């Protein structure tokens, strides 16, 4: 699906703490460590894919090409499709699932808590 500006619409899922369990101590020991999938979020991601929506992994890890490779291996290991791994959004992003985000009501500045 495309938006009026021609961008492909997509939904982003953060990795650490959202799609995968995050353990700070494990990550400090080995920054390639990615925890086990969080099942309900994995199922939500798969639901989007099965309904034809493009899904991307939107993670700070994508700042480092080595980490992008690690994320792609993790996806395969956990029976998830090969998805785009990015650390940026564009005009096509229609939704983002992230453990650090605070939603703001559109055009008002009102925080949704």
Protein backbone atom coordinates (compact mmCIF):
# COMPACT_ATOMS: atom_id res chain seq x y z
CA UNK A 1 0.00 0.00 0.00
CA UNK A 2 1.30 3.50 -0.82
CA UNK A 3 0.57 6.83 0.78
CA UNK A 4 -0.36 9.89 -1.35
CA UNK A 5 3.31 10.93 -1.59
CA UNK A 6 4.27 7.58 -3.11
CA UNK A 7 5.93 6.06 -0.06
CA UNK A 8 5.20 2.42 0.72
CA UNK A 9 3.29 2.25 4.00
CA UNK A 10 4.92 0.15 6.69
CA UNK A 11 4.75 -0.70 10.38
CA UNK A 12 7.90 -0.62 12.52
CA UNK A 13 8.77 -2.88 15.42
CA UNK A 14 11.56 -2.04 17.81
CA UNK A 15 13.73 -5.03 18.68
CA UNK A 16 15.26 -4.91 22.18
CA UNK A 17 12.60 -4.78 24.86
CA UNK A 18 9.73 -4.89 22.36
CA UNK A 19 10.05 -7.83 19.96
CA UNK A 20 12.85 -9.50 21.92
CA UNK A 21 13.55 -9.73 25.64
CA UNK A 22 16.37 -7.36 26.58
CA UNK A 23 18.82 -8.09 29.38
CA UNK A 24 21.22 -5.22 30.03
CA UNK A 25 23.79 -7.47 31.76
CA UNK A 26 23.87 -9.92 28.85
CA UNK A 27 24.16 -7.08 26.34
CA UNK A 28 27.03 -5.52 28.32
CA UNK A 29 28.90 -8.84 28.16
CA UNK A 30 28.13 -9.43 24.48
CA UNK A 31 26.51 -6.73 22.33
CA UNK A 32 25.55 -9.36 19.78
CA UNK A 33 23.18 -10.95 22.31
CA UNK A 34 19.48 -10.73 21.43
CA UNK A 35 16.99 -12.30 23.80
CA UNK A 36 14.13 -14.64 23.08
CA UNK A 37 11.12 -13.32 21.14
CA UNK A 38 8.24 -11.83 23.10
CA UNK A 39 5.47 -14.06 21.81
CA UNK A 40 2.50 -11.69 21.71
CA UNK A 41 4.51 -9.06 19.82
CA UNK A 42 5.88 -11.71 17.47
CA UNK A 43 2.31 -12.81 16.76
CA UNK A 44 1.25 -9.19 16.16
CA UNK A 45 4.14 -8.73 13.71
CA UNK A 46 3.15 -11.93 11.88
CA UNK A 47 -0.48 -10.76 11.74
CA UNK A 48 0.58 -7.57 9.96
CA UNK A 49 2.67 -9.56 7.50
CA UNK A 50 -0.13 -12.06 6.79
CA UNK A 51 -2.52 -9.17 6.11
CA UNK A 52 -0.13 -7.78 3.49
CA UNK A 53 1.35 -4.89 5.46
CA UNK A 54 5.07 -4.29 5.09
CA UNK A 55 6.89 -4.69 8.42
CA UNK A 56 10.34 -3.37 9.27
CA UNK A 57 12.54 -3.79 12.31
CA UNK A 58 13.26 -0.25 13.53
CA UNK A 59 16.18 -0.49 15.95
CA UNK A 60 19.15 1.59 17.06
CA UNK A 61 21.26 -1.49 16.31
CA UNK A 62 20.97 -0.59 12.62
CA UNK A 63 23.50 2.21 13.20
CA UNK A 64 26.11 -0.55 12.94
CA UNK A 65 26.13 -2.80 9.84
CA UNK A 66 27.48 -5.69 11.97
CA UNK A 67 24.46 -5.41 14.26
CA UNK A 68 22.11 -5.36 11.26
CA UNK A 69 23.56 -8.72 10.21
CA UNK A 70 23.09 -10.05 13.75
CA UNK A 71 19.44 -8.93 13.75
CA UNK A 72 18.82 -10.62 10.39
CA UNK A 73 20.31 -13.87 11.73
CA UNK A 74 18.11 -13.58 14.83
CA UNK A 75 15.01 -13.17 12.64
CA UNK A 76 15.88 -16.31 10.69
CA UNK A 77 16.68 -18.28 13.86
CA UNK A 78 13.27 -17.35 15.26
CA UNK A 79 11.32 -18.31 12.13
CA UNK A 80 10.60 -14.74 11.12
CA UNK A 81 10.87 -13.52 7.54
CA UNK A 82 13.83 -11.53 6.26
CA UNK A 83 12.67 -8.00 7.05
CA UNK A 84 14.20 -4.61 6.42
CA UNK A 85 16.28 -3.59 9.44
CA UNK A 86 16.53 0.17 9.83
CA UNK A 87 17.09 2.91 12.36
CA UNK A 88 15.11 5.54 10.53
CA UNK A 89 11.54 6.29 9.63
CA UNK A 90 10.14 7.91 6.51
CA UNK A 91 6.79 9.28 5.39
CA UNK A 92 5.50 5.76 4.80
CA UNK A 93 5.67 4.66 8.43
CA UNK A 94 2.11 4.39 9.74
CA UNK A 95 2.78 2.86 13.16
CA UNK A 96 5.71 2.09 15.45
CA UNK A 97 5.76 -0.39 18.32
CA UNK A 98 8.52 0.64 20.72
CA UNK A 99 9.17 0.28 24.45
CA UNK A 100 10.65 3.78 24.75
CA UNK A 101 8.14 5.86 22.81
CA UNK A 102 5.59 8.17 24.38
CA UNK A 103 2.59 8.78 22.18
CA UNK A 104 1.55 12.37 21.50
CA UNK A 105 -1.94 13.18 20.30
CA UNK A 106 -1.83 14.30 16.66
CA UNK A 107 -1.54 18.09 16.18
CA UNK A 108 -2.15 18.91 19.86
CA UNK A 109 1.02 18.26 21.80
CA UNK A 110 -1.04 16.36 24.39
CA UNK A 111 0.79 13.34 25.82
CA UNK A 112 -1.16 10.10 25.80
CA UNK A 113 -0.35 8.13 28.92
